[in-house]
C-alpha atoms as a PDB file:
ATOM      1  CA  MET A   1     -18.635   8.063   8.696  1.00  0.00           C
ATOM      2  CA  SER A   2     -21.183   8.273   5.900  1.00  0.00           C
ATOM      3  CA  ILE A   3     -18.598   7.100   3.350  1.00  0.00           C
ATOM      4  CA  GLY A   4     -17.873   4.046   5.514  1.00  0.00           C
ATOM      5  CA  LEU A   5     -21.559   3.243   5.873  1.00  0.00           C
ATOM      6  CA  ARG A   6     -22.085   3.636   2.141  1.00  0.00           C
ATOM      7  CA  TYR A   7     -19.136   1.312   1.421  1.00  0.00           C
ATOM      8  CA  ALA A   8     -20.515  -1.274   3.869  1.00  0.00           C
ATOM      9  CA  ASP A   9     -23.850  -1.154   2.068  1.00  0.00           C
ATOM     10  CA  LEU A  10     -22.291  -1.457  -1.398  1.00  0.00           C
ATOM     11  CA  ARG A  11     -19.837  -4.166  -0.351  1.00  0.00           C
ATOM     12  CA  LYS A  12     -22.541  -6.721   0.329  1.00  0.00           C
ATOM     13  CA  ASN A  13     -24.227  -6.697  -3.058  1.00  0.00           C
ATOM     14  CA  TYR A  14     -22.782  -4.374  -5.655  1.00  0.00           C
ATOM     15  CA  LEU A  15     -18.991  -4.161  -5.540  1.00  0.00           C
ATOM     16  CA  PRO A  16     -16.816  -6.714  -7.324  1.00  0.00           C
ATOM     17  CA  LYS A  17     -14.999  -9.173  -5.071  1.00  0.00           C
ATOM     18  CA  TRP A  18     -11.551  -7.914  -6.065  1.00  0.00           C
ATOM     19  CA  ILE A  19     -12.350  -4.427  -4.740  1.00  0.00           C
ATOM     20  CA  THR A  20     -13.520  -5.761  -1.389  1.00  0.00           C
ATOM     21  CA  ASN A  21     -10.432  -7.987  -1.174  1.00  0.00           C
ATOM     22  CA  PHE A  22      -8.185  -5.023  -2.012  1.00  0.00           C
ATOM     23  CA  VAL A  23      -9.771  -2.945   0.762  1.00  0.00           C
ATOM     24  CA  ALA A  24      -9.710  -5.833   3.269  1.00  0.00           C
ATOM     25  CA  ILE A  25      -6.017  -6.512   2.658  1.00  0.00           C
ATOM     26  CA  GLY A  26      -5.326  -2.779   2.770  1.00  0.00           C
ATOM     27  CA  ALA A  27      -6.932  -2.647   6.204  1.00  0.00           C
ATOM     28  CA  LYS A  28      -4.655  -5.437   7.418  1.00  0.00           C
ATOM     29  CA  ILE A  29      -1.461  -3.843   6.095  1.00  0.00           C
ATOM     30  CA  SER A  30      -2.314  -0.172   6.595  1.00  0.00           C
ATOM     31  CA  PHE A  31       0.237   0.306   9.380  1.00  0.00           C
ATOM     32  CA  GLY A  32       2.808  -1.395   7.163  1.00  0.00           C
ATOM     33  CA  ILE A  33       2.049   1.050   4.361  1.00  0.00           C
ATOM     34  CA  TYR A  34       2.735   3.862   6.784  1.00  0.00           C
ATOM     35  CA  LEU A  35       6.018   2.254   7.849  1.00  0.00           C
ATOM     36  CA  SER A  36       7.252   1.336   4.384  1.00  0.00           C
ATOM     37  CA  GLN A  37       6.303   4.524   2.539  1.00  0.00           C
ATOM     38  CA  THR A  38       9.836   5.885   2.949  1.00  0.00           C
ATOM     39  CA  LEU A  39      11.165   3.724   0.116  1.00  0.00           C
ATOM     40  CA  PRO A  40       8.530   4.763  -2.480  1.00  0.00           C
ATOM     41  CA  LEU A  41       8.885   8.407  -1.422  1.00  0.00           C
ATOM     42  CA  ALA A  42      12.668   8.245  -1.812  1.00  0.00           C
ATOM     43  CA  LEU A  43      12.236   6.668  -5.244  1.00  0.00           C
ATOM     44  CA  MET A  44       9.816   9.413  -6.276  1.00  0.00           C
ATOM     45  CA  PHE A  45      12.327  12.005  -5.054  1.00  0.00           C
ATOM     46  CA  VAL A  46      14.999  10.494  -7.309  1.00  0.00           C
ATOM     47  CA  VAL A  47      12.634  10.387 -10.282  1.00  0.00           C
ATOM     48  CA  LEU A  48      11.404  13.941  -9.773  1.00  0.00           C
ATOM     49  CA  SER A  49      14.930  15.256  -9.238  1.00  0.00           C
ATOM     50  CA  SER A  50      15.898  14.003 -12.670  1.00  0.00           C
ATOM     51  CA  LEU A  51      13.174  16.087 -14.355  1.00  0.00           C
ATOM     52  CA  PRO A  52      14.047  19.535 -15.671  1.00  0.00           C
ATOM     53  CA  SER A  53      13.155  22.157 -13.063  1.00  0.00           C
ATOM     54  CA  GLY A  54      12.098  24.889 -15.467  1.00  0.00           C
ATOM     55  CA  ASN A  55       8.367  24.204 -15.530  1.00  0.00           C
ATOM     56  CA  GLY A  56       6.447  24.022 -12.255  1.00  0.00           C
ATOM     57  CA  TRP A  57       3.178  23.228 -14.035  1.00  0.00           C
ATOM     58  CA  VAL A  58       4.489  19.811 -15.016  1.00  0.00           C
ATOM     59  CA  LEU A  59       5.059  18.939 -11.367  1.00  0.00           C
ATOM     60  CA  LEU A  60       1.655  20.299 -10.401  1.00  0.00           C
ATOM     61  CA  VAL A  61      -0.084  18.179 -13.035  1.00  0.00           C
ATOM     62  CA  MET A  62       1.953  15.110 -12.065  1.00  0.00           C
ATOM     63  CA  LEU A  63       1.192  15.441  -8.341  1.00  0.00           C
ATOM     64  CA  PRO A  64      -1.963  13.233  -8.280  1.00  0.00           C
ATOM     65  CA  PHE A  65      -0.195  10.532 -10.291  1.00  0.00           C
ATOM     66  CA  ILE A  66       2.842  10.675  -8.021  1.00  0.00           C
ATOM     67  CA  TYR A  67       0.581  10.262  -5.000  1.00  0.00           C
ATOM     68  CA  ILE A  68      -1.226   7.257  -6.513  1.00  0.00           C
ATOM     69  CA  ILE A  69       2.008   5.591  -7.625  1.00  0.00           C
ATOM     70  CA  THR A  70       3.587   6.121  -4.212  1.00  0.00           C
ATOM     71  CA  ALA A  71       0.533   4.700  -2.417  1.00  0.00           C
ATOM     72  CA  LEU A  72       0.387   1.650  -4.703  1.00  0.00           C
ATOM     73  CA  MET A  73       4.106   1.005  -4.267  1.00  0.00           C
ATOM     74  CA  GLY A  74       3.702   1.190  -0.485  1.00  0.00           C
ATOM     75  CA  TYR A  75       0.731  -1.183  -0.711  1.00  0.00           C
ATOM     76  CA  ALA A  76       2.704  -3.665  -2.839  1.00  0.00           C
ATOM     77  CA  LEU A  77       5.744  -3.507  -0.595  1.00  0.00           C
ATOM     78  CA  SER A  78       3.674  -4.004   2.555  1.00  0.00           C
ATOM     79  CA  TYR A  79       1.739  -6.851   0.948  1.00  0.00           C
ATOM     80  CA  PHE A  80       5.032  -8.544   0.085  1.00  0.00           C
ATOM     81  CA  PHE A  81       6.206  -8.147   3.680  1.00  0.00           C
ATOM     82  CA  TYR A  82       2.852  -9.478   4.894  1.00  0.00           C
ATOM     83  CA  LYS A  83       3.035 -12.625   2.761  1.00  0.00           C
ATOM     84  CA  VAL A  84       6.731 -13.537   3.092  1.00  0.00           C
ATOM     85  CA  PRO A  85       7.263 -14.980   6.592  1.00  0.00           C
ATOM     86  CA  PRO A  86      10.576 -13.508   7.709  1.00  0.00           C
ATOM     87  CA  PHE A  87       9.561  -9.927   6.824  1.00  0.00           C
ATOM     88  CA  GLY A  88       6.216  -9.604   8.588  1.00  0.00           C
ATOM     89  CA  PHE A  89       7.760  -7.922  11.613  1.00  0.00           C
ATOM     90  CA  LEU A  90       8.753  -4.978   9.391  1.00  0.00           C
ATOM     91  CA  ILE A  91       5.101  -3.995   9.083  1.00  0.00           C
ATOM     92  CA  GLY A  92       4.005  -4.954  12.574  1.00  0.00           C
ATOM     93  CA  ARG A  93       2.486  -8.282  11.551  1.00  0.00           C
ATOM     94  CA  PRO A  94       4.980 -10.995  12.462  1.00  0.00           C
ATOM     95  CA  GLN A  95       4.222 -14.407  11.074  1.00  0.00           C
ATOM     96  CA  HIS A  96       4.572 -17.264  13.507  1.00  0.00           C
ATOM     97  CA  ILE A  97       6.560 -19.995  11.852  1.00  0.00           C
ATOM     98  CA  ARG A  98       5.697 -23.393  13.224  1.00  0.00           C
ATOM     99  CA  LYS A  99       8.304 -26.082  13.375  1.00  0.00           C
ATOM    100  CA  VAL A 100       7.217 -29.446  12.076  1.00  0.00           C
ATOM    101  CA  VAL A 101       8.030 -32.226  14.479  1.00  0.00           C
ATOM    102  CA  ARG A 102       8.482 -35.550  12.739  1.00  0.00           C
ATOM    103  CA  THR A 103       8.085 -38.696  14.712  1.00  0.00           C
END
Protein backbone atom coordinates (compact mmCIF):
# COMPACT_ATOMS: atom_id res chain seq x y z
CA MET A 1 0.00 0.00 0.00
CA SER A 2 2.81 2.40 0.84
CA ILE A 3 4.52 1.69 -2.50
CA GLY A 4 1.28 2.56 -4.32
CA LEU A 5 0.87 5.78 -2.37
CA ARG A 6 4.48 6.73 -3.03
CA TYR A 7 4.03 6.06 -6.77
CA ALA A 8 0.85 8.18 -6.81
CA ASP A 9 2.77 11.02 -5.19
CA LEU A 10 5.72 10.75 -7.58
CA ARG A 11 3.53 10.33 -10.66
CA LYS A 12 2.07 13.81 -10.43
CA ASN A 13 5.30 15.79 -10.48
CA TYR A 14 8.50 13.82 -10.71
CA LEU A 15 8.24 10.78 -12.97
CA PRO A 16 8.72 11.06 -16.73
CA LYS A 17 5.57 10.71 -18.82
CA TRP A 18 6.75 7.53 -20.52
CA ILE A 19 6.97 5.72 -17.17
CA THR A 20 3.45 6.72 -16.19
CA ASN A 21 2.17 5.69 -19.63
CA PHE A 22 3.97 2.34 -19.34
CA VAL A 23 2.35 1.68 -15.95
CA ALA A 24 -1.10 2.88 -17.11
CA ILE A 25 -1.04 0.62 -20.17
CA GLY A 26 0.29 -2.23 -18.02
CA ALA A 27 -2.71 -1.81 -15.73
CA LYS A 28 -5.07 -2.09 -18.69
CA ILE A 29 -3.43 -5.21 -20.11
CA SER A 30 -2.38 -6.92 -16.88
CA PHE A 31 -4.91 -9.75 -17.25
CA GLY A 32 -3.72 -10.19 -20.83
CA ILE A 33 -0.13 -10.52 -19.62
CA TYR A 34 -1.29 -13.28 -17.32
CA LEU A 35 -3.11 -15.02 -20.18
CA SER A 36 -0.38 -14.66 -22.78
CA GLN A 37 2.63 -15.51 -20.62
CA THR A 38 2.57 -19.12 -21.83
CA LEU A 39 4.23 -18.20 -25.13
CA PRO A 40 7.18 -16.29 -23.60
CA LEU A 41 7.63 -19.02 -20.98
CA ALA A 42 7.68 -21.71 -23.66
CA LEU A 43 10.23 -19.69 -25.63
CA MET A 44 12.42 -19.32 -22.54
CA PHE A 45 12.16 -23.08 -21.98
CA VAL A 46 13.46 -23.71 -25.50
CA VAL A 47 16.29 -21.21 -25.06
CA LEU A 48 17.31 -22.56 -21.66
CA SER A 49 17.11 -26.17 -22.86
CA SER A 50 19.70 -25.41 -25.51
CA LEU A 51 22.24 -24.26 -22.90
CA PRO A 52 24.75 -26.76 -21.55
CA SER A 53 23.46 -28.24 -18.30
CA GLY A 54 26.81 -28.61 -16.56
CA ASN A 55 26.84 -25.34 -14.64
CA GLY A 56 23.89 -24.45 -12.41
CA TRP A 57 25.42 -21.10 -11.45
CA VAL A 58 24.88 -19.80 -14.97
CA LEU A 59 21.15 -20.47 -14.69
CA LEU A 60 21.03 -18.92 -11.23
CA VAL A 61 22.71 -15.74 -12.46
CA MET A 62 20.48 -15.61 -15.54
CA LEU A 63 17.25 -16.02 -13.56
CA PRO A 64 16.52 -12.28 -13.01
CA PHE A 65 17.18 -11.54 -16.68
CA ILE A 66 14.96 -14.42 -17.77
CA TYR A 67 12.18 -13.08 -15.56
CA ILE A 68 12.49 -9.54 -16.97
CA ILE A 69 12.65 -10.75 -20.57
CA THR A 70 9.63 -12.99 -20.07
CA ALA A 71 7.62 -10.18 -18.46
CA LEU A 72 8.52 -7.71 -21.23
CA MET A 73 7.62 -10.24 -23.92
CA GLY A 74 4.26 -10.84 -22.24
CA TYR A 75 3.72 -7.08 -22.03
CA ALA A 76 4.56 -6.61 -25.72
CA LEU A 77 2.37 -9.49 -26.81
CA SER A 78 -0.58 -8.28 -24.74
CA TYR A 79 -0.11 -4.72 -25.99
CA PHE A 80 -0.20 -6.00 -29.56
CA PHE A 81 -3.41 -7.90 -28.83
CA TYR A 82 -4.83 -4.79 -27.16
CA LYS A 83 -4.14 -2.54 -30.15
CA VAL A 84 -5.04 -4.87 -33.05
CA PRO A 85 -8.85 -5.13 -33.19
CA PRO A 86 -9.51 -8.78 -33.94
CA PHE A 87 -7.21 -10.02 -31.14
CA GLY A 88 -8.49 -8.05 -28.16
CA PHE A 89 -10.69 -10.89 -26.98
CA LEU A 90 -7.56 -12.99 -26.36
CA ILE A 91 -6.65 -10.75 -23.44
CA GLY A 92 -10.16 -10.06 -22.20
CA ARG A 93 -10.44 -6.65 -23.84
CA PRO A 94 -12.51 -7.07 -26.99
CA GLN A 95 -12.53 -4.11 -29.31
CA HIS A 96 -15.92 -3.14 -30.66
CA ILE A 97 -15.61 -2.62 -34.37
CA ARG A 98 -18.15 -0.17 -35.67
CA LYS A 99 -19.52 -0.54 -39.14
CA VAL A 100 -19.59 2.63 -41.18
CA VAL A 101 -22.94 3.21 -42.79
CA ARG A 102 -22.69 5.27 -45.95
CA THR A 103 -25.72 7.09 -47.17
